[in-house]
Amino acid sequence: MRYVEKPTPAAKTSTEGFKVTCDHCGETKTKKRPAKYCSDTCRNRAWKEKQGQKADVPTNI
């Protein structure tokens, strides 16, 4: 299990939020708060892969 550390001020961009690199697809996005995945879609796909299920849609977002 991965624990999310409390963000430091350096991790936050100037005005937009936190830069997040998705653990599933590797895409970097800016979010309002720290996150493990870039979207609900990636979170669901990662869960399905972990459970051994085939994802419903292609992994391209």
PDB file of N, CA and C in Angstrom:
ATOM      1  N   MET A   1       0.843  -1.166   0.000  1.00  0.00           N
ATOM      2  CA  MET A   1       0.000   0.000   0.000  1.00  0.00           C
ATOM      3  C   MET A   1       0.892   1.235   0.000  1.00  0.00           C
ATOM      4  N   ARG A   2       0.558   2.179  -0.802  1.00  0.00           N
ATOM      5  CA  ARG A   2       1.328   3.409  -0.905  1.00  0.00           C
ATOM      6  C   ARG A   2       0.670   4.483  -0.051  1.00  0.00           C
ATOM      7  N   TYR A   3       1.467   5.101   0.791  1.00  0.00           N
ATOM      8  CA  TYR A   3       0.965   6.191   1.607  1.00  0.00           C
ATOM      9  C   TYR A   3       1.336   7.512   0.961  1.00  0.00           C
ATOM     10  N   VAL A   4       0.398   8.418   0.913  1.00  0.00           N
ATOM     11  CA  VAL A   4       0.643   9.727   0.335  1.00  0.00           C
ATOM     12  C   VAL A   4       1.180  10.627   1.441  1.00  0.00           C
ATOM     13  N   GLU A   5       2.360  11.161   1.221  1.00  0.00           N
ATOM     14  CA  GLU A   5       2.941  12.059   2.203  1.00  0.00           C
ATOM     15  C   GLU A   5       2.258  13.411   2.123  1.00  0.00           C
ATOM     16  N   LYS A   6       2.279  14.119   3.226  1.00  0.00           N
ATOM     17  CA  LYS A   6       1.723  15.461   3.242  1.00  0.00           C
ATOM     18  C   LYS A   6       2.535  16.325   2.286  1.00  0.00           C
ATOM     19  N   PRO A   7       1.891  17.028   1.377  1.00  0.00           N
ATOM     20  CA  PRO A   7       2.625  17.796   0.379  1.00  0.00           C
ATOM     21  C   PRO A   7       3.409  18.942   1.001  1.00  0.00           C
ATOM     22  N   THR A   8       4.550  19.192   0.426  1.00  0.00           N
ATOM     23  CA  THR A   8       5.352  20.331   0.851  1.00  0.00           C
ATOM     24  C   THR A   8       4.997  21.515  -0.033  1.00  0.00           C
ATOM     25  N   PRO A   9       5.259  22.718   0.406  1.00  0.00           N
ATOM     26  CA  PRO A   9       4.953  23.879  -0.436  1.00  0.00           C
ATOM     27  C   PRO A   9       5.664  23.834  -1.785  1.00  0.00           C
ATOM     28  N   ALA A  10       6.832  23.182  -1.857  1.00  0.00           N
ATOM     29  CA  ALA A  10       7.565  23.099  -3.117  1.00  0.00           C
ATOM     30  C   ALA A  10       6.838  22.225  -4.133  1.00  0.00           C
ATOM     31  N   ALA A  11       5.997  21.277  -3.675  1.00  0.00           N
ATOM     32  CA  ALA A  11       5.280  20.380  -4.583  1.00  0.00           C
ATOM     33  C   ALA A  11       4.117  21.088  -5.276  1.00  0.00           C
ATOM     34  N   LYS A  12       3.716  22.191  -4.733  1.00  0.00           N
ATOM     35  CA  LYS A  12       2.577  22.920  -5.283  1.00  0.00           C
ATOM     36  C   LYS A  12       3.057  23.936  -6.319  1.00  0.00           C
ATOM     37  N   THR A  13       2.367  23.976  -7.458  1.00  0.00           N
ATOM     38  CA  THR A  13       2.715  24.977  -8.462  1.00  0.00           C
ATOM     39  C   THR A  13       2.257  26.343  -7.984  1.00  0.00           C
ATOM     40  N   SER A  14       2.659  27.361  -8.658  1.00  0.00           N
ATOM     41  CA  SER A  14       2.422  28.730  -8.189  1.00  0.00           C
ATOM     42  C   SER A  14       0.947  29.046  -7.940  1.00  0.00           C
ATOM     43  N   THR A  15       0.065  28.779  -8.888  1.00  0.00           N
ATOM     44  CA  THR A  15      -1.336  29.164  -8.702  1.00  0.00           C
ATOM     45  C   THR A  15      -2.320  28.050  -9.040  1.00  0.00           C
ATOM     46  N   GLU A  16      -1.885  27.008  -9.696  1.00  0.00           N
ATOM     47  CA  GLU A  16      -2.835  26.040 -10.236  1.00  0.00           C
ATOM     48  C   GLU A  16      -3.112  24.843  -9.346  1.00  0.00           C
ATOM     49  N   GLY A  17      -2.149  24.333  -8.596  1.00  0.00           N
ATOM     50  CA  GLY A  17      -2.385  23.172  -7.770  1.00  0.00           C
ATOM     51  C   GLY A  17      -1.173  22.273  -7.717  1.00  0.00           C
ATOM     52  N   PHE A  18      -1.399  20.953  -7.576  1.00  0.00           N
ATOM     53  CA  PHE A  18      -0.331  19.982  -7.430  1.00  0.00           C
ATOM     54  C   PHE A  18      -0.089  19.240  -8.739  1.00  0.00           C
ATOM     55  N   LYS A  19       1.161  19.045  -9.083  1.00  0.00           N
ATOM     56  CA  LYS A  19       1.483  18.233 -10.254  1.00  0.00           C
ATOM     57  C   LYS A  19       1.419  16.775  -9.833  1.00  0.00           C
ATOM     58  N   VAL A  20       0.619  15.996 -10.551  1.00  0.00           N
ATOM     59  CA  VAL A  20       0.391  14.591 -10.229  1.00  0.00           C
ATOM     60  C   VAL A  20       0.833  13.737 -11.406  1.00  0.00           C
ATOM     61  N   THR A  21       1.635  12.711 -11.136  1.00  0.00           N
ATOM     62  CA  THR A  21       1.979  11.727 -12.160  1.00  0.00           C
ATOM     63  C   THR A  21       1.172  10.468 -11.853  1.00  0.00           C
ATOM     64  N   CYS A  22       0.332  10.075 -12.785  1.00  0.00           N
ATOM     65  CA  CYS A  22      -0.577   8.953 -12.601  1.00  0.00           C
ATOM     66  C   CYS A  22       0.193   7.644 -12.433  1.00  0.00           C
ATOM     67  N   ASP A  23      -0.171   6.837 -11.424  1.00  0.00           N
ATOM     68  CA  ASP A  23       0.460   5.545 -11.200  1.00  0.00           C
ATOM     69  C   ASP A  23       0.039   4.511 -12.241  1.00  0.00           C
ATOM     70  N   HIS A  24      -1.031   4.791 -12.968  1.00  0.00           N
ATOM     71  CA  HIS A  24      -1.512   3.818 -13.960  1.00  0.00           C
ATOM     72  C   HIS A  24      -0.984   4.122 -15.360  1.00  0.00           C
ATOM     73  N   CYS A  25      -1.214   5.336 -15.853  1.00  0.00           N
ATOM     74  CA  CYS A  25      -0.846   5.652 -17.237  1.00  0.00           C
ATOM     75  C   CYS A  25       0.435   6.477 -17.350  1.00  0.00           C
ATOM     76  N   GLY A  26       0.890   7.072 -16.242  1.00  0.00           N
ATOM     77  CA  GLY A  26       2.116   7.850 -16.260  1.00  0.00           C
ATOM     78  C   GLY A  26       1.946   9.283 -16.724  1.00  0.00           C
ATOM     79  N   GLU A  27       0.738   9.688 -17.034  1.00  0.00           N
ATOM     80  CA  GLU A  27       0.477  11.050 -17.495  1.00  0.00           C
ATOM     81  C   GLU A  27       0.604  12.029 -16.330  1.00  0.00           C
ATOM     82  N   THR A  28       1.151  13.206 -16.597  1.00  0.00           N
ATOM     83  CA  THR A  28       1.291  14.236 -15.577  1.00  0.00           C
ATOM     84  C   THR A  28       0.202  15.280 -15.776  1.00  0.00           C
ATOM     85  N   LYS A  29      -0.527  15.562 -14.702  1.00  0.00           N
ATOM     86  CA  LYS A  29      -1.602  16.552 -14.734  1.00  0.00           C
ATOM     87  C   LYS A  29      -1.498  17.435 -13.507  1.00  0.00           C
ATOM     88  N   THR A  30      -2.181  18.549 -13.533  1.00  0.00           N
ATOM     89  CA  THR A  30      -2.258  19.434 -12.379  1.00  0.00           C
ATOM     90  C   THR A  30      -3.627  19.241 -11.742  1.00  0.00           C
ATOM     91  N   LYS A  31      -3.610  18.933 -10.440  1.00  0.00           N
ATOM     92  CA  LYS A  31      -4.847  18.686  -9.694  1.00  0.00           C
ATOM     93  C   LYS A  31      -4.945  19.662  -8.532  1.00  0.00           C
ATOM     94  N   LYS A  32      -6.145  19.824  -7.995  1.00  0.00           N
ATOM     95  CA  LYS A  32      -6.347  20.719  -6.858  1.00  0.00           C
ATOM     96  C   LYS A  32      -5.710  20.176  -5.584  1.00  0.00           C
ATOM     97  N   ARG A  33      -5.612  18.830  -5.485  1.00  0.00           N
ATOM     98  CA  ARG A  33      -4.992  18.213  -4.319  1.00  0.00           C
ATOM     99  C   ARG A  33      -4.174  17.003  -4.750  1.00  0.00           C
ATOM    100  N   PRO A  34      -3.268  16.537  -3.896  1.00  0.00           N
ATOM    101  CA  PRO A  34      -2.434  15.390  -4.280  1.00  0.00           C
ATOM    102  C   PRO A  34      -3.305  14.172  -4.590  1.00  0.00           C
ATOM    103  N   ALA A  35      -2.900  13.398  -5.585  1.00  0.00           N
ATOM    104  CA  ALA A  35      -3.676  12.229  -5.981  1.00  0.00           C
ATOM    105  C   ALA A  35      -2.743  11.151  -6.506  1.00  0.00           C
ATOM    106  N   LYS A  36      -3.211   9.908  -6.471  1.00  0.00           N
ATOM    107  CA  LYS A  36      -2.431   8.773  -6.967  1.00  0.00           C
ATOM    108  C   LYS A  36      -2.683   8.565  -8.458  1.00  0.00           C
ATOM    109  N   TYR A  37      -3.885   8.882  -8.922  1.00  0.00           N
ATOM    110  CA  TYR A  37      -4.270   8.677 -10.320  1.00  0.00           C
ATOM    111  C   TYR A  37      -4.728   9.993 -10.931  1.00  0.00           C
ATOM    112  N   CYS A  38      -4.620  10.104 -12.258  1.00  0.00           N
ATOM    113  CA  CYS A  38      -4.985  11.347 -12.936  1.00  0.00           C
ATOM    114  C   CYS A  38      -6.496  11.504 -13.091  1.00  0.00           C
ATOM    115  N   SER A  39      -7.243  10.401 -13.055  1.00  0.00           N
ATOM    116  CA  SER A  39      -8.692  10.482 -13.246  1.00  0.00           C
ATOM    117  C   SER A  39      -9.367   9.263 -12.628  1.00  0.00           C
ATOM    118  N   ASP A  40     -10.695   9.327 -12.520  1.00  0.00           N
ATOM    119  CA  ASP A  40     -11.454   8.177 -12.034  1.00  0.00           C
ATOM    120  C   ASP A  40     -11.315   6.994 -12.990  1.00  0.00           C
ATOM    121  N   THR A  41     -11.193   7.291 -14.276  1.00  0.00           N
ATOM    122  CA  THR A  41     -11.046   6.235 -15.273  1.00  0.00           C
ATOM    123  C   THR A  41      -9.770   5.428 -15.008  1.00  0.00           C
ATOM    124  N   CYS A  42      -8.653   6.119 -14.792  1.00  0.00           N
ATOM    125  CA  CYS A  42      -7.392   5.421 -14.512  1.00  0.00           C
ATOM    126  C   CYS A  42      -7.464   4.663 -13.186  1.00  0.00           C
ATOM    127  N   ARG A  43      -8.107   5.252 -12.201  1.00  0.00           N
ATOM    128  CA  ARG A  43      -8.257   4.577 -10.904  1.00  0.00           C
ATOM    129  C   ARG A  43      -9.032   3.277 -11.069  1.00  0.00           C
ATOM    130  N   ASN A  44     -10.113   3.324 -11.844  1.00  0.00           N
ATOM    131  CA  ASN A  44     -10.924   2.125 -12.077  1.00  0.00           C
ATOM    132  C   ASN A  44     -10.161   1.078 -12.886  1.00  0.00           C
ATOM    133  N   ARG A  45      -9.431   1.506 -13.898  1.00  0.00           N
ATOM    134  CA  ARG A  45      -8.646   0.570 -14.716  1.00  0.00           C
ATOM    135  C   ARG A  45      -7.559  -0.093 -13.895  1.00  0.00           C
ATOM    136  N   ALA A  46      -6.899   0.672 -13.019  1.00  0.00           N
ATOM    137  CA  ALA A  46      -5.861   0.105 -12.160  1.00  0.00           C
ATOM    138  C   ALA A  46      -6.462  -0.935 -11.213  1.00  0.00           C
ATOM    139  N   TRP A  47      -7.635  -0.663 -10.675  1.00  0.00           N
ATOM    140  CA  TRP A  47      -8.291  -1.605  -9.784  1.00  0.00           C
ATOM    141  C   TRP A  47      -8.641  -2.896 -10.525  1.00  0.00           C
ATOM    142  N   LYS A  48      -9.176  -2.747 -11.746  1.00  0.00           N
ATOM    143  CA  LYS A  48      -9.538  -3.924 -12.535  1.00  0.00           C
ATOM    144  C   LYS A  48      -8.311  -4.769 -12.863  1.00  0.00           C
ATOM    145  N   GLU A  49      -7.188  -4.120 -13.203  1.00  0.00           N
ATOM    146  CA  GLU A  49      -5.969  -4.874 -13.487  1.00  0.00           C
ATOM    147  C   GLU A  49      -5.479  -5.595 -12.236  1.00  0.00           C
ATOM    148  N   LYS A  50      -5.583  -4.930 -11.117  1.00  0.00           N
ATOM    149  CA  LYS A  50      -5.160  -5.531  -9.852  1.00  0.00           C
ATOM    150  C   LYS A  50      -6.023  -6.752  -9.530  1.00  0.00           C
ATOM    151  N   GLN A  51      -7.309  -6.690  -9.869  1.00  0.00           N
ATOM    152  CA  GLN A  51      -8.231  -7.788  -9.609  1.00  0.00           C
ATOM    153  C   GLN A  51      -8.139  -8.900 -10.657  1.00  0.00           C
ATOM    154  N   GLY A  52      -7.374  -8.650 -11.716  1.00  0.00           N
ATOM    155  CA  GLY A  52      -7.228  -9.657 -12.761  1.00  0.00           C
ATOM    156  C   GLY A  52      -8.325  -9.602 -13.803  1.00  0.00           C
ATOM    157  N   GLN A  53      -9.057  -8.517 -13.845  1.00  0.00           N
ATOM    158  CA  GLN A  53     -10.126  -8.361 -14.825  1.00  0.00           C
ATOM    159  C   GLN A  53      -9.596  -7.601 -16.025  1.00  0.00           C
ATOM    160  N   LYS A  54     -10.220  -7.802 -17.156  1.00  0.00           N
ATOM    161  CA  LYS A  54      -9.851  -7.053 -18.344  1.00  0.00           C
ATOM    162  C   LYS A  54     -10.554  -5.711 -18.321  1.00  0.00           C
ATOM    163  N   ALA A  55      -9.830  -4.646 -18.658  1.00  0.00           N
ATOM    164  CA  ALA A  55     -10.417  -3.313 -18.690  1.00  0.00           C
ATOM    165  C   ALA A  55     -11.457  -3.220 -19.808  1.00  0.00           C
ATOM    166  N   ASP A  56     -12.515  -2.432 -19.589  1.00  0.00           N
ATOM    167  CA  ASP A  56     -13.602  -2.277 -20.551  1.00  0.00           C
ATOM    168  C   ASP A  56     -13.178  -1.532 -21.803  1.00  0.00           C
ATOM    169  N   VAL A  57     -12.297  -0.570 -21.647  1.00  0.00           N
ATOM    170  CA  VAL A  57     -11.919   0.295 -22.743  1.00  0.00           C
ATOM    171  C   VAL A  57     -10.393   0.305 -22.886  1.00  0.00           C
ATOM    172  N   PRO A  58      -9.881   0.755 -24.026  1.00  0.00           N
ATOM    173  CA  PRO A  58      -8.431   0.811 -24.196  1.00  0.00           C
ATOM    174  C   PRO A  58      -7.778   1.705 -23.139  1.00  0.00           C
ATOM    175  N   THR A  59      -6.477   1.509 -22.906  1.00  0.00           N
ATOM    176  CA  THR A  59      -5.778   2.276 -21.870  1.00  0.00           C
ATOM    177  C   THR A  59      -5.426   3.687 -22.333  1.00  0.00           C
ATOM    178  N   ASN A  60      -5.669   4.027 -23.594  1.00  0.00           N
ATOM    179  CA  ASN A  60      -5.438   5.395 -24.060  1.00  0.00           C
ATOM    180  C   ASN A  60      -6.553   6.291 -23.537  1.00  0.00           C
ATOM    181  N   ILE A  61      -6.175   7.461 -23.075  1.00  0.00           N
ATOM    182  CA  ILE A  61      -7.204   8.378 -22.560  1.00  0.00           C
ATOM    183  C   ILE A  61      -7.438   9.470 -23.565  1.00  0.00           C
TER     184      ILE A  61
END
